[in-house]
């Protein structure tokens, strides 16, 4: 009887160990790091260096991941780049949405440029804008990346157009100006500030560009 019990216990232990081994083999890979933080750090790196000048060694060092963990989580440098663009786009749209809640469309547009000038002139790394930087080399990207970048840029232009239209309805902005054309002009000023703010223009030059905004939306 004792021998039978001992044999039964041994068999139960063997079956349990076999089950645990198989479970570990078939269970999906689990992340042991903060994915959001890794994407945030990668976004800042791509933002500063650009996609083409960012190496895998740079990404591994910045995210703190091993090669195995990196490829398990993000598959490729390109796929991680897509995730960083989506993150930036989401944050940008959220900021634009906050501006639309202001009590005046003119104040919303001016606040956009006030924030733009402040962030540009205070950025010691002179990174510019992640979307604008990507727009400058958009033809080097595949269709999915181009769609994200163009969509993010379009959301800014759409914000300007909507604010102008609301301002015209309220009588705050002249109906003599074209919302679509003026929105494009404002977007052009935004791009100029971001590009020239990367070292070509000083803070005085940046503010001179921004000073054209109130003239356009009178």
N, C-alpha and C. Protein backbone atom coordinates (compact mmCIF):
# COMPACT_ATOMS: atom_id res chain seq x y z
N UNK A 1 0.84 -1.21 0.00
CA UNK A 1 0.00 0.00 0.00
C UNK A 1 0.87 1.25 0.00
N UNK A 2 1.91 1.25 0.85
CA UNK A 2 2.82 2.40 0.92
C UNK A 2 3.52 2.62 -0.41
N UNK A 3 3.90 1.51 -1.05
CA UNK A 3 4.59 1.63 -2.33
C UNK A 3 3.64 2.20 -3.39
N UNK A 4 2.40 1.79 -3.34
CA UNK A 4 1.41 2.31 -4.30
C UNK A 4 1.19 3.80 -4.11
N UNK A 5 1.11 4.24 -2.85
CA UNK A 5 0.91 5.66 -2.55
C UNK A 5 2.11 6.47 -3.02
N UNK A 6 3.31 5.95 -2.75
CA UNK A 6 4.53 6.64 -3.17
C UNK A 6 4.58 6.76 -4.68
N UNK A 7 4.21 5.68 -5.35
CA UNK A 7 4.21 5.70 -6.82
C UNK A 7 3.20 6.72 -7.34
N UNK A 8 2.03 6.78 -6.69
CA UNK A 8 0.98 7.70 -7.11
C UNK A 8 1.44 9.15 -6.92
N UNK A 9 2.09 9.42 -5.80
CA UNK A 9 2.59 10.77 -5.53
C UNK A 9 3.62 11.18 -6.58
N UNK A 10 4.52 10.24 -6.90
CA UNK A 10 5.55 10.51 -7.90
C UNK A 10 4.91 10.82 -9.25
N UNK A 11 3.90 10.05 -9.62
CA UNK A 11 3.23 10.26 -10.91
C UNK A 11 2.52 11.61 -10.94
N UNK A 12 1.87 11.99 -9.83
CA UNK A 12 1.18 13.27 -9.76
C UNK A 12 2.17 14.42 -9.93
N UNK A 13 3.30 14.32 -9.26
CA UNK A 13 4.34 15.35 -9.36
C UNK A 13 4.86 15.44 -10.79
N UNK A 14 5.05 14.29 -11.42
CA UNK A 14 5.57 14.26 -12.79
C UNK A 14 4.58 14.93 -13.75
N UNK A 15 3.30 14.58 -13.57
CA UNK A 15 2.27 15.14 -14.45
C UNK A 15 2.18 16.66 -14.25
N UNK A 16 2.26 17.09 -13.00
CA UNK A 16 2.18 18.53 -12.71
C UNK A 16 3.34 19.28 -13.33
N UNK A 17 4.55 18.74 -13.18
CA UNK A 17 5.73 19.38 -13.75
C UNK A 17 5.65 19.44 -15.28
N UNK A 18 5.14 18.37 -15.88
CA UNK A 18 4.99 18.34 -17.33
C UNK A 18 3.99 19.40 -17.80
N UNK A 19 2.90 19.53 -17.02
CA UNK A 19 1.87 20.52 -17.36
C UNK A 19 2.43 21.94 -17.27
N UNK A 20 3.18 22.23 -16.22
CA UNK A 20 3.76 23.55 -16.03
C UNK A 20 4.74 23.88 -17.14
N UNK A 21 5.54 22.87 -17.54
CA UNK A 21 6.50 23.09 -18.63
C UNK A 21 5.80 23.43 -19.93
N UNK A 22 4.74 22.67 -20.25
CA UNK A 22 4.00 22.92 -21.48
C UNK A 22 3.30 24.27 -21.43
N UNK A 23 2.80 24.65 -20.24
CA UNK A 23 2.11 25.93 -20.09
C UNK A 23 3.05 27.09 -20.36
N UNK A 24 4.28 26.95 -19.87
CA UNK A 24 5.27 28.02 -20.10
C UNK A 24 5.62 28.12 -21.57
N UNK A 25 5.60 26.98 -22.26
CA UNK A 25 5.95 26.99 -23.67
C UNK A 25 4.86 27.61 -24.53
N UNK A 26 3.59 27.42 -24.15
CA UNK A 26 2.51 27.91 -24.99
C UNK A 26 1.97 29.25 -24.55
N UNK A 27 2.30 29.70 -23.33
CA UNK A 27 1.82 31.00 -22.87
C UNK A 27 2.45 32.11 -23.67
N UNK A 28 1.68 33.17 -24.01
CA UNK A 28 2.25 34.29 -24.76
C UNK A 28 3.34 34.97 -23.96
N UNK A 29 4.25 35.61 -24.70
CA UNK A 29 5.36 36.33 -24.06
C UNK A 29 4.83 37.49 -23.24
N UNK A 30 5.28 37.62 -22.02
CA UNK A 30 4.82 38.70 -21.14
C UNK A 30 5.90 39.77 -21.01
N UNK A 31 5.47 41.03 -21.09
CA UNK A 31 6.40 42.15 -20.99
C UNK A 31 6.82 42.33 -19.54
N UNK A 32 8.10 42.57 -19.34
CA UNK A 32 8.62 42.80 -18.00
C UNK A 32 9.17 44.21 -17.88
N UNK A 33 8.60 45.14 -18.69
CA UNK A 33 9.05 46.52 -18.67
C UNK A 33 7.86 47.42 -18.95
N UNK A 34 8.03 48.71 -18.73
CA UNK A 34 6.97 49.68 -18.96
C UNK A 34 6.97 50.07 -20.44
N UNK A 35 6.02 49.55 -21.19
CA UNK A 35 5.99 49.79 -22.63
C UNK A 35 5.76 51.27 -22.96
N UNK A 36 4.86 51.92 -22.21
CA UNK A 36 4.58 53.34 -22.47
C UNK A 36 5.84 54.19 -22.28
N UNK A 37 6.61 53.85 -21.27
CA UNK A 37 7.84 54.61 -21.02
C UNK A 37 8.86 54.37 -22.13
N UNK A 38 8.93 53.15 -22.60
CA UNK A 38 9.86 52.82 -23.70
C UNK A 38 9.47 53.59 -24.96
N UNK A 39 8.16 53.66 -25.24
CA UNK A 39 7.69 54.40 -26.41
C UNK A 39 7.98 55.88 -26.25
N UNK A 40 7.77 56.40 -25.06
CA UNK A 40 8.05 57.83 -24.78
C UNK A 40 9.51 58.15 -25.02
N UNK A 41 10.39 57.31 -24.49
CA UNK A 41 11.83 57.55 -24.65
C UNK A 41 12.25 57.42 -26.12
N UNK A 42 11.67 56.46 -26.82
CA UNK A 42 11.98 56.29 -28.23
C UNK A 42 11.46 57.48 -29.04
N UNK A 43 10.30 57.99 -28.66
CA UNK A 43 9.75 59.15 -29.36
C UNK A 43 10.68 60.35 -29.25
N UNK A 44 11.20 60.60 -28.07
CA UNK A 44 12.12 61.72 -27.88
C UNK A 44 13.40 61.53 -28.70
N UNK A 45 13.82 60.28 -28.82
CA UNK A 45 15.03 59.99 -29.60
C UNK A 45 14.79 60.21 -31.09
N UNK A 46 13.71 59.64 -31.62
CA UNK A 46 13.36 59.85 -33.02
C UNK A 46 13.15 61.34 -33.31
N UNK A 47 12.52 62.01 -32.37
CA UNK A 47 12.22 63.43 -32.50
C UNK A 47 13.51 64.24 -32.64
N UNK A 48 14.49 63.89 -31.85
CA UNK A 48 15.75 64.63 -31.84
C UNK A 48 16.65 64.28 -33.01
N UNK A 49 16.77 62.98 -33.32
CA UNK A 49 17.73 62.53 -34.32
C UNK A 49 17.12 62.26 -35.69
N UNK A 50 15.81 62.04 -35.73
CA UNK A 50 15.17 61.63 -36.98
C UNK A 50 15.22 60.12 -37.13
N UNK A 51 14.32 59.61 -37.96
CA UNK A 51 14.21 58.15 -38.11
C UNK A 51 15.48 57.55 -38.71
N UNK A 52 15.96 58.13 -39.79
CA UNK A 52 17.10 57.53 -40.51
C UNK A 52 18.39 57.57 -39.70
N UNK A 53 18.57 58.58 -38.86
CA UNK A 53 19.80 58.72 -38.09
C UNK A 53 19.74 58.03 -36.74
N UNK A 54 18.62 57.40 -36.45
CA UNK A 54 18.48 56.65 -35.19
C UNK A 54 18.81 55.19 -35.45
N UNK A 55 19.80 54.68 -34.76
CA UNK A 55 20.23 53.29 -34.96
C UNK A 55 19.55 52.37 -33.94
N UNK A 56 19.64 51.08 -34.19
CA UNK A 56 19.11 50.11 -33.23
C UNK A 56 19.86 50.21 -31.91
N UNK A 57 21.15 50.47 -31.98
CA UNK A 57 21.95 50.62 -30.75
C UNK A 57 21.43 51.81 -29.95
N UNK A 58 21.08 52.88 -30.64
CA UNK A 58 20.51 54.06 -29.97
C UNK A 58 19.22 53.69 -29.25
N UNK A 59 18.36 52.95 -29.95
CA UNK A 59 17.06 52.59 -29.39
C UNK A 59 17.20 51.65 -28.19
N UNK A 60 18.09 50.68 -28.30
CA UNK A 60 18.29 49.76 -27.18
C UNK A 60 18.83 50.50 -25.96
N UNK A 61 19.75 51.42 -26.20
CA UNK A 61 20.33 52.19 -25.10
C UNK A 61 19.28 53.11 -24.47
N UNK A 62 18.46 53.74 -25.29
CA UNK A 62 17.47 54.69 -24.79
C UNK A 62 16.32 54.00 -24.06
N UNK A 63 15.86 52.88 -24.61
CA UNK A 63 14.74 52.17 -23.99
C UNK A 63 15.19 51.25 -22.85
N UNK A 64 16.48 50.91 -22.84
CA UNK A 64 16.99 50.02 -21.82
C UNK A 64 16.62 48.57 -22.06
N UNK A 65 16.21 48.23 -23.29
CA UNK A 65 15.78 46.88 -23.60
C UNK A 65 16.91 46.06 -24.22
N UNK A 66 16.82 44.76 -24.03
CA UNK A 66 17.71 43.85 -24.75
C UNK A 66 17.14 43.66 -26.16
N UNK A 67 17.94 43.10 -27.05
CA UNK A 67 17.44 42.86 -28.41
C UNK A 67 16.21 41.96 -28.40
N UNK A 68 16.27 40.93 -27.59
CA UNK A 68 15.16 39.98 -27.53
C UNK A 68 13.87 40.65 -27.08
N UNK A 69 13.95 41.42 -26.01
CA UNK A 69 12.77 42.12 -25.50
C UNK A 69 12.26 43.13 -26.51
N UNK A 70 13.19 43.82 -27.17
CA UNK A 70 12.80 44.83 -28.15
C UNK A 70 12.00 44.20 -29.29
N UNK A 71 12.54 43.14 -29.88
CA UNK A 71 11.87 42.53 -31.03
C UNK A 71 10.59 41.81 -30.64
N UNK A 72 10.53 41.30 -29.43
CA UNK A 72 9.29 40.68 -28.96
C UNK A 72 8.19 41.72 -28.79
N UNK A 73 8.57 42.91 -28.33
CA UNK A 73 7.59 43.96 -28.04
C UNK A 73 7.20 44.76 -29.26
N UNK A 74 8.19 45.13 -30.09
CA UNK A 74 7.94 46.09 -31.17
C UNK A 74 8.22 45.55 -32.58
N UNK A 75 8.78 44.39 -32.68
CA UNK A 75 9.03 43.72 -33.97
C UNK A 75 10.14 44.37 -34.78
N UNK A 76 10.14 45.71 -34.90
CA UNK A 76 11.16 46.36 -35.72
C UNK A 76 11.29 47.83 -35.34
N UNK A 77 12.35 48.45 -35.79
CA UNK A 77 12.55 49.89 -35.60
C UNK A 77 11.40 50.66 -36.23
N UNK A 78 11.00 50.24 -37.41
CA UNK A 78 9.91 50.92 -38.12
C UNK A 78 8.60 50.84 -37.35
N UNK A 79 8.29 49.66 -36.78
CA UNK A 79 7.05 49.50 -36.04
C UNK A 79 7.05 50.35 -34.77
N UNK A 80 8.19 50.48 -34.13
CA UNK A 80 8.28 51.33 -32.95
C UNK A 80 8.10 52.80 -33.36
N UNK A 81 8.66 53.17 -34.50
CA UNK A 81 8.49 54.53 -35.01
C UNK A 81 7.01 54.85 -35.20
N UNK A 82 6.27 53.90 -35.73
CA UNK A 82 4.83 54.08 -35.92
C UNK A 82 4.15 54.33 -34.58
N UNK A 83 4.53 53.56 -33.56
CA UNK A 83 3.94 53.73 -32.24
C UNK A 83 4.25 55.11 -31.66
N UNK A 84 5.46 55.61 -31.90
CA UNK A 84 5.81 56.94 -31.38
C UNK A 84 5.03 58.03 -32.10
N UNK A 85 4.84 57.87 -33.40
CA UNK A 85 4.05 58.85 -34.16
C UNK A 85 2.60 58.87 -33.68
N UNK A 86 2.05 57.70 -33.42
CA UNK A 86 0.67 57.61 -32.93
C UNK A 86 0.55 58.28 -31.56
N UNK A 87 1.54 58.08 -30.73
CA UNK A 87 1.53 58.69 -29.41
C UNK A 87 1.58 60.22 -29.53
N UNK A 88 2.48 60.72 -30.35
CA UNK A 88 2.60 62.17 -30.54
C UNK A 88 1.32 62.74 -31.12
N UNK A 89 0.75 62.05 -32.08
CA UNK A 89 -0.49 62.51 -32.71
C UNK A 89 -1.62 62.57 -31.70
N UNK A 90 -1.73 61.58 -30.86
CA UNK A 90 -2.78 61.54 -29.84
C UNK A 90 -2.64 62.71 -28.87
N UNK A 91 -1.41 62.97 -28.44
CA UNK A 91 -1.17 64.07 -27.51
C UNK A 91 -1.43 65.42 -28.17
N UNK A 92 -1.05 65.54 -29.44
CA UNK A 92 -1.27 66.79 -30.18
C UNK A 92 -2.76 67.07 -30.33
N UNK A 93 -3.52 66.06 -30.71
CA UNK A 93 -4.97 66.25 -30.88
C UNK A 93 -5.64 66.59 -29.56
N UNK A 94 -5.16 66.01 -28.47
CA UNK A 94 -5.72 66.31 -27.15
C UNK A 94 -5.47 67.78 -26.79
N UNK A 95 -4.26 68.27 -27.09
CA UNK A 95 -3.93 69.66 -26.81
C UNK A 95 -4.79 70.61 -27.64
N UNK A 96 -5.02 70.26 -28.91
CA UNK A 96 -5.88 71.07 -29.77
C UNK A 96 -7.31 71.08 -29.26
N UNK A 97 -7.77 69.94 -28.79
CA UNK A 97 -9.12 69.86 -28.24
C UNK A 97 -9.27 70.77 -27.03
N UNK A 98 -8.25 70.84 -26.20
CA UNK A 98 -8.28 71.72 -25.02
C UNK A 98 -8.41 73.18 -25.46
N UNK A 99 -7.72 73.54 -26.53
CA UNK A 99 -7.76 74.92 -27.02
C UNK A 99 -9.15 75.28 -27.55
N UNK A 100 -9.82 74.32 -28.14
CA UNK A 100 -11.16 74.60 -28.67
C UNK A 100 -12.16 74.92 -27.57
N UNK A 101 -11.81 74.58 -26.34
CA UNK A 101 -12.70 74.83 -25.21
C UNK A 101 -12.61 76.27 -24.69
N UNK A 102 -11.68 77.04 -25.21
CA UNK A 102 -11.53 78.43 -24.79
C UNK A 102 -12.74 79.24 -25.24
N UNK A 103 -12.99 80.35 -24.56
CA UNK A 103 -14.20 81.12 -24.83
C UNK A 103 -14.14 81.97 -26.09
N UNK A 104 -12.97 82.01 -26.74
CA UNK A 104 -12.82 82.80 -27.95
C UNK A 104 -11.94 82.06 -28.95
N UNK A 105 -12.39 81.93 -30.19
CA UNK A 105 -11.56 81.26 -31.20
C UNK A 105 -10.26 82.02 -31.49
N UNK A 106 -10.31 83.35 -31.41
CA UNK A 106 -9.09 84.13 -31.60
C UNK A 106 -8.11 83.83 -30.48
N UNK A 107 -8.61 83.79 -29.24
CA UNK A 107 -7.74 83.46 -28.11
C UNK A 107 -7.14 82.06 -28.27
N UNK A 108 -7.93 81.14 -28.82
CA UNK A 108 -7.45 79.77 -29.01
C UNK A 108 -6.29 79.74 -29.99
N UNK A 109 -6.42 80.46 -31.10
CA UNK A 109 -5.35 80.51 -32.11
C UNK A 109 -4.11 81.19 -31.54
N UNK A 110 -4.31 82.31 -30.85
CA UNK A 110 -3.17 83.04 -30.28
C UNK A 110 -2.49 82.21 -29.19
N UNK A 111 -3.30 81.47 -28.41
CA UNK A 111 -2.72 80.61 -27.37
C UNK A 111 -1.88 79.51 -27.99
N UNK A 112 -2.34 78.98 -29.13
CA UNK A 112 -1.58 77.96 -29.84
C UNK A 112 -0.19 78.50 -30.17
N UNK A 113 -0.12 79.70 -30.72
CA UNK A 113 1.17 80.26 -31.13
C UNK A 113 1.99 80.73 -29.94
N UNK A 114 1.34 81.17 -28.88
CA UNK A 114 2.09 81.52 -27.66
C UNK A 114 2.80 80.29 -27.11
N UNK A 115 2.07 79.18 -27.07
CA UNK A 115 2.66 77.92 -26.59
C UNK A 115 3.77 77.45 -27.53
N UNK A 116 3.53 77.64 -28.83
CA UNK A 116 4.50 77.23 -29.84
C UNK A 116 5.81 78.00 -29.69
N UNK A 117 5.71 79.31 -29.55
CA UNK A 117 6.90 80.15 -29.38
C UNK A 117 7.63 79.79 -28.10
N UNK A 118 6.87 79.61 -27.01
CA UNK A 118 7.49 79.29 -25.72
C UNK A 118 8.23 77.96 -25.77
N UNK A 119 7.60 76.94 -26.36
CA UNK A 119 8.24 75.63 -26.41
C UNK A 119 9.44 75.62 -27.35
N UNK A 120 9.35 76.41 -28.43
CA UNK A 120 10.45 76.46 -29.40
C UNK A 120 11.67 77.17 -28.83
N UNK A 121 11.44 78.32 -28.19
CA UNK A 121 12.56 79.11 -27.68
C UNK A 121 13.17 78.53 -26.40
N UNK A 122 12.43 77.67 -25.71
CA UNK A 122 12.94 77.10 -24.46
C UNK A 122 13.58 75.72 -24.65
N UNK A 123 13.46 75.17 -25.85
CA UNK A 123 13.97 73.82 -26.12
C UNK A 123 15.49 73.88 -26.38
N UNK A 124 16.25 73.47 -25.40
CA UNK A 124 17.71 73.51 -25.53
C UNK A 124 18.22 72.54 -26.59
N UNK A 125 17.48 71.46 -26.82
CA UNK A 125 17.89 70.49 -27.83
C UNK A 125 17.51 70.92 -29.24
N UNK A 126 16.68 71.96 -29.34
CA UNK A 126 16.23 72.47 -30.65
C UNK A 126 15.70 71.34 -31.53
N UNK A 127 14.76 70.57 -30.96
CA UNK A 127 14.21 69.41 -31.66
C UNK A 127 13.20 69.81 -32.74
N UNK A 128 12.60 70.99 -32.60
CA UNK A 128 11.53 71.36 -33.51
C UNK A 128 10.26 70.62 -33.17
N UNK A 129 9.52 70.22 -34.18
CA UNK A 129 8.26 69.48 -34.00
C UNK A 129 8.42 68.09 -34.62
N UNK A 130 8.01 67.07 -33.91
CA UNK A 130 8.17 65.70 -34.39
C UNK A 130 7.45 65.51 -35.73
N UNK A 131 6.23 66.05 -35.84
CA UNK A 131 5.47 65.90 -37.08
C UNK A 131 6.09 66.71 -38.21
N UNK A 132 6.46 67.95 -37.93
CA UNK A 132 7.08 68.80 -38.96
C UNK A 132 8.39 68.18 -39.44
N UNK A 133 9.19 67.69 -38.51
CA UNK A 133 10.46 67.04 -38.89
C UNK A 133 10.19 65.85 -39.81
N UNK A 134 9.13 65.11 -39.49
CA UNK A 134 8.79 63.94 -40.31
C UNK A 134 8.22 64.36 -41.66
N UNK A 135 7.51 65.48 -41.70
CA UNK A 135 6.97 65.98 -42.96
C UNK A 135 8.09 66.31 -43.95
N UNK A 136 9.20 66.80 -43.41
CA UNK A 136 10.30 67.24 -44.28
C UNK A 136 10.95 66.08 -45.04
N UNK A 137 10.76 64.87 -44.54
CA UNK A 137 11.33 63.70 -45.25
C UNK A 137 10.25 62.65 -45.49
N UNK A 138 9.03 63.11 -45.69
CA UNK A 138 7.88 62.20 -45.75
C UNK A 138 7.96 61.23 -46.92
N UNK A 139 8.60 61.63 -48.01
CA UNK A 139 8.67 60.75 -49.19
C UNK A 139 9.54 59.51 -48.94
N UNK A 140 10.31 59.51 -47.86
CA UNK A 140 11.15 58.35 -47.55
C UNK A 140 10.40 57.29 -46.76
N UNK A 141 9.17 57.60 -46.35
CA UNK A 141 8.39 56.68 -45.53
C UNK A 141 7.39 55.89 -46.36
N UNK A 142 6.93 54.78 -45.80
CA UNK A 142 5.92 53.98 -46.48
C UNK A 142 4.54 54.62 -46.31
N UNK A 143 3.55 54.03 -46.94
CA UNK A 143 2.21 54.62 -46.99
C UNK A 143 1.58 54.80 -45.61
N UNK A 144 1.75 53.81 -44.74
CA UNK A 144 1.14 53.90 -43.41
C UNK A 144 1.73 55.05 -42.61
N UNK A 145 3.05 55.18 -42.64
CA UNK A 145 3.71 56.26 -41.91
C UNK A 145 3.31 57.61 -42.49
N UNK A 146 3.28 57.71 -43.81
CA UNK A 146 2.88 58.96 -44.45
C UNK A 146 1.47 59.35 -44.04
N UNK A 147 0.58 58.39 -43.96
CA UNK A 147 -0.81 58.67 -43.59
C UNK A 147 -0.89 59.24 -42.17
N UNK A 148 -0.12 58.69 -41.25
CA UNK A 148 -0.13 59.17 -39.87
C UNK A 148 0.41 60.59 -39.80
N UNK A 149 1.53 60.83 -40.48
CA UNK A 149 2.17 62.14 -40.44
C UNK A 149 1.27 63.20 -41.08
N UNK A 150 0.74 62.88 -42.27
CA UNK A 150 -0.14 63.83 -42.95
C UNK A 150 -1.41 64.09 -42.13
N UNK A 151 -1.93 63.05 -41.52
CA UNK A 151 -3.15 63.21 -40.72
C UNK A 151 -2.92 64.09 -39.51
N UNK A 152 -1.77 63.92 -38.88
CA UNK A 152 -1.44 64.75 -37.72
C UNK A 152 -1.28 66.21 -38.12
N UNK A 153 -0.61 66.44 -39.24
CA UNK A 153 -0.44 67.81 -39.74
C UNK A 153 -1.78 68.41 -40.12
N UNK A 154 -2.62 67.61 -40.76
CA UNK A 154 -3.94 68.09 -41.18
C UNK A 154 -4.81 68.47 -40.00
N UNK A 155 -4.65 67.78 -38.88
CA UNK A 155 -5.46 68.10 -37.70
C UNK A 155 -5.17 69.51 -37.19
N UNK A 156 -3.94 69.96 -37.35
CA UNK A 156 -3.57 71.32 -36.93
C UNK A 156 -4.20 72.34 -37.87
N UNK A 157 -4.09 72.09 -39.17
CA UNK A 157 -4.69 73.00 -40.15
C UNK A 157 -6.20 73.04 -39.98
N UNK A 158 -6.81 71.90 -39.71
CA UNK A 158 -8.25 71.84 -39.49
C UNK A 158 -8.65 72.64 -38.26
N UNK A 159 -7.84 72.57 -37.23
CA UNK A 159 -8.09 73.36 -36.02
C UNK A 159 -8.15 74.84 -36.35
N UNK A 160 -7.16 75.32 -37.10
CA UNK A 160 -7.15 76.73 -37.50
C UNK A 160 -8.42 77.09 -38.28
N UNK A 161 -8.76 76.26 -39.25
CA UNK A 161 -9.93 76.52 -40.10
C UNK A 161 -11.21 76.58 -39.28
N UNK A 162 -11.37 75.64 -38.38
CA UNK A 162 -12.57 75.61 -37.54
C UNK A 162 -12.66 76.82 -36.63
N UNK A 163 -11.56 77.23 -36.07
CA UNK A 163 -11.56 78.40 -35.19
C UNK A 163 -11.91 79.67 -35.98
N UNK A 164 -11.39 79.78 -37.20
CA UNK A 164 -11.70 80.94 -38.03
C UNK A 164 -13.19 80.96 -38.38
N UNK A 165 -13.72 79.80 -38.74
CA UNK A 165 -15.15 79.72 -39.09
C UNK A 165 -16.03 80.10 -37.91
N UNK A 166 -15.68 79.62 -36.73
CA UNK A 166 -16.46 79.96 -35.53
C UNK A 166 -16.34 81.46 -35.25
N UNK A 167 -15.12 81.99 -35.40
CA UNK A 167 -14.91 83.42 -35.18
C UNK A 167 -15.71 84.27 -36.14
N UNK A 168 -15.86 83.82 -37.37
CA UNK A 168 -16.65 84.55 -38.35
C UNK A 168 -18.14 84.52 -38.00
N UNK A 169 -18.61 83.39 -37.54
CA UNK A 169 -20.02 83.28 -37.13
C UNK A 169 -20.30 84.20 -35.95
N UNK A 170 -19.35 84.32 -35.04
CA UNK A 170 -19.53 85.15 -33.85
C UNK A 170 -19.24 86.63 -34.12
N UNK A 171 -18.73 86.91 -35.29
CA UNK A 171 -18.41 88.29 -35.61
C UNK A 171 -17.07 88.76 -35.07
N UNK A 172 -16.22 87.83 -34.63
CA UNK A 172 -14.91 88.18 -34.09
C UNK A 172 -13.84 88.26 -35.19
N UNK A 173 -14.08 87.56 -36.28
CA UNK A 173 -13.13 87.51 -37.39
C UNK A 173 -13.86 87.93 -38.67
N UNK A 174 -13.18 88.72 -39.47
CA UNK A 174 -13.78 89.23 -40.69
C UNK A 174 -14.20 88.10 -41.63
N UNK A 175 -15.36 88.27 -42.25
CA UNK A 175 -15.84 87.28 -43.22
C UNK A 175 -15.19 87.47 -44.58
N UNK A 176 -14.34 88.47 -44.69
CA UNK A 176 -13.66 88.73 -45.96
C UNK A 176 -12.50 87.77 -46.20
N UNK A 177 -12.05 87.10 -45.14
CA UNK A 177 -10.93 86.18 -45.31
C UNK A 177 -11.44 84.76 -45.53
N UNK A 178 -10.66 83.97 -46.24
CA UNK A 178 -11.01 82.58 -46.50
C UNK A 178 -10.49 81.70 -45.35
N UNK A 179 -11.39 80.98 -44.67
CA UNK A 179 -10.94 80.10 -43.58
C UNK A 179 -9.90 79.08 -44.04
N UNK A 180 -10.12 78.49 -45.21
CA UNK A 180 -9.20 77.45 -45.70
C UNK A 180 -7.84 78.03 -46.04
N UNK A 181 -7.83 79.15 -46.77
CA UNK A 181 -6.56 79.76 -47.18
C UNK A 181 -5.81 80.32 -45.97
N UNK A 182 -6.53 80.94 -45.06
CA UNK A 182 -5.89 81.51 -43.87
C UNK A 182 -5.34 80.41 -42.97
N UNK A 183 -6.06 79.32 -42.90
CA UNK A 183 -5.58 78.18 -42.10
C UNK A 183 -4.27 77.65 -42.66
N UNK A 184 -4.16 77.62 -43.97
CA UNK A 184 -2.91 77.17 -44.60
C UNK A 184 -1.78 78.15 -44.30
N UNK A 185 -2.09 79.44 -44.30
CA UNK A 185 -1.07 80.45 -43.98
C UNK A 185 -0.60 80.30 -42.53
N UNK A 186 -1.55 80.07 -41.63
CA UNK A 186 -1.19 79.88 -40.22
C UNK A 186 -0.36 78.61 -40.04
N UNK A 187 -0.73 77.57 -40.77
CA UNK A 187 0.05 76.33 -40.71
C UNK A 187 1.47 76.58 -41.23
N UNK A 188 1.58 77.38 -42.28
CA UNK A 188 2.90 77.73 -42.83
C UNK A 188 3.76 78.47 -41.82
N UNK A 189 3.13 79.37 -41.06
CA UNK A 189 3.87 80.09 -40.02
C UNK A 189 4.33 79.13 -38.94
N UNK A 190 3.44 78.20 -38.59
CA UNK A 190 3.80 77.20 -37.58
C UNK A 190 5.01 76.39 -38.01
N UNK A 191 4.99 75.93 -39.27
CA UNK A 191 6.11 75.15 -39.80
C UNK A 191 7.39 75.98 -39.81
N UNK A 192 7.28 77.24 -40.22
CA UNK A 192 8.44 78.12 -40.27
C UNK A 192 9.06 78.30 -38.89
N UNK A 193 8.21 78.49 -37.89
CA UNK A 193 8.70 78.66 -36.52
C UNK A 193 9.44 77.41 -36.06
N UNK A 194 8.84 76.26 -36.34
CA UNK A 194 9.46 75.00 -35.91
C UNK A 194 10.77 74.71 -36.63
N UNK A 195 10.81 74.98 -37.92
CA UNK A 195 12.02 74.69 -38.70
C UNK A 195 13.12 75.71 -38.41
N UNK A 196 12.78 76.99 -38.48
CA UNK A 196 13.77 78.04 -38.27
C UNK A 196 14.19 78.13 -36.80
N UNK A 197 13.33 77.63 -35.93
CA UNK A 197 13.64 77.63 -34.50
C UNK A 197 14.65 76.57 -34.10
N UNK A 198 15.10 75.76 -35.04
CA UNK A 198 16.08 74.72 -34.74
C UNK A 198 17.51 75.25 -34.84
N UNK A 199 17.67 76.56 -34.79
CA UNK A 199 19.02 77.12 -34.78
C UNK A 199 19.23 78.26 -35.74
N UNK A 200 18.34 78.41 -36.73
CA UNK A 200 18.51 79.48 -37.73
C UNK A 200 18.07 80.83 -37.17
N UNK A 201 16.91 80.85 -36.51
CA UNK A 201 16.38 82.09 -35.93
C UNK A 201 16.56 82.07 -34.42
N UNK A 202 16.83 83.25 -33.86
CA UNK A 202 16.84 83.38 -32.40
C UNK A 202 15.41 83.67 -31.94
N UNK A 203 15.23 83.88 -30.64
CA UNK A 203 13.89 84.09 -30.09
C UNK A 203 13.22 85.32 -30.68
N UNK A 204 14.01 86.36 -30.97
CA UNK A 204 13.44 87.57 -31.55
C UNK A 204 12.87 87.29 -32.94
N UNK A 205 13.59 86.52 -33.73
CA UNK A 205 13.11 86.16 -35.07
C UNK A 205 11.87 85.30 -35.01
N UNK A 206 11.83 84.38 -34.04
CA UNK A 206 10.66 83.51 -33.86
C UNK A 206 9.44 84.34 -33.50
N UNK A 207 9.62 85.28 -32.60
CA UNK A 207 8.49 86.13 -32.18
C UNK A 207 8.02 87.02 -33.32
N UNK A 208 8.93 87.42 -34.20
CA UNK A 208 8.55 88.24 -35.35
C UNK A 208 7.63 87.45 -36.29
N UNK A 209 7.91 86.16 -36.46
CA UNK A 209 7.04 85.31 -37.27
C UNK A 209 5.66 85.19 -36.64
N UNK A 210 5.64 84.96 -35.33
CA UNK A 210 4.38 84.79 -34.63
C UNK A 210 3.54 86.07 -34.64
N UNK A 211 4.21 87.20 -34.75
CA UNK A 211 3.49 88.49 -34.75
C UNK A 211 2.60 88.67 -35.97
N UNK A 212 2.83 87.85 -37.00
CA UNK A 212 1.99 87.93 -38.20
C UNK A 212 0.63 87.29 -38.02
N UNK A 213 0.50 86.48 -36.98
CA UNK A 213 -0.74 85.73 -36.77
C UNK A 213 -1.94 86.64 -36.53
N UNK A 214 -1.87 87.59 -35.59
CA UNK A 214 -3.04 88.46 -35.36
C UNK A 214 -3.46 89.23 -36.61
N UNK A 215 -2.51 89.58 -37.44
CA UNK A 215 -2.81 90.33 -38.68
C UNK A 215 -3.67 89.48 -39.62
N UNK A 216 -3.39 88.18 -39.66
CA UNK A 216 -4.11 87.29 -40.57
C UNK A 216 -5.55 87.03 -40.13
N UNK A 217 -5.81 87.12 -38.85
CA UNK A 217 -7.16 86.76 -38.36
C UNK A 217 -7.95 87.96 -37.85
N UNK A 218 -7.60 89.15 -38.29
CA UNK A 218 -8.35 90.34 -37.89
C UNK A 218 -9.74 90.32 -38.51
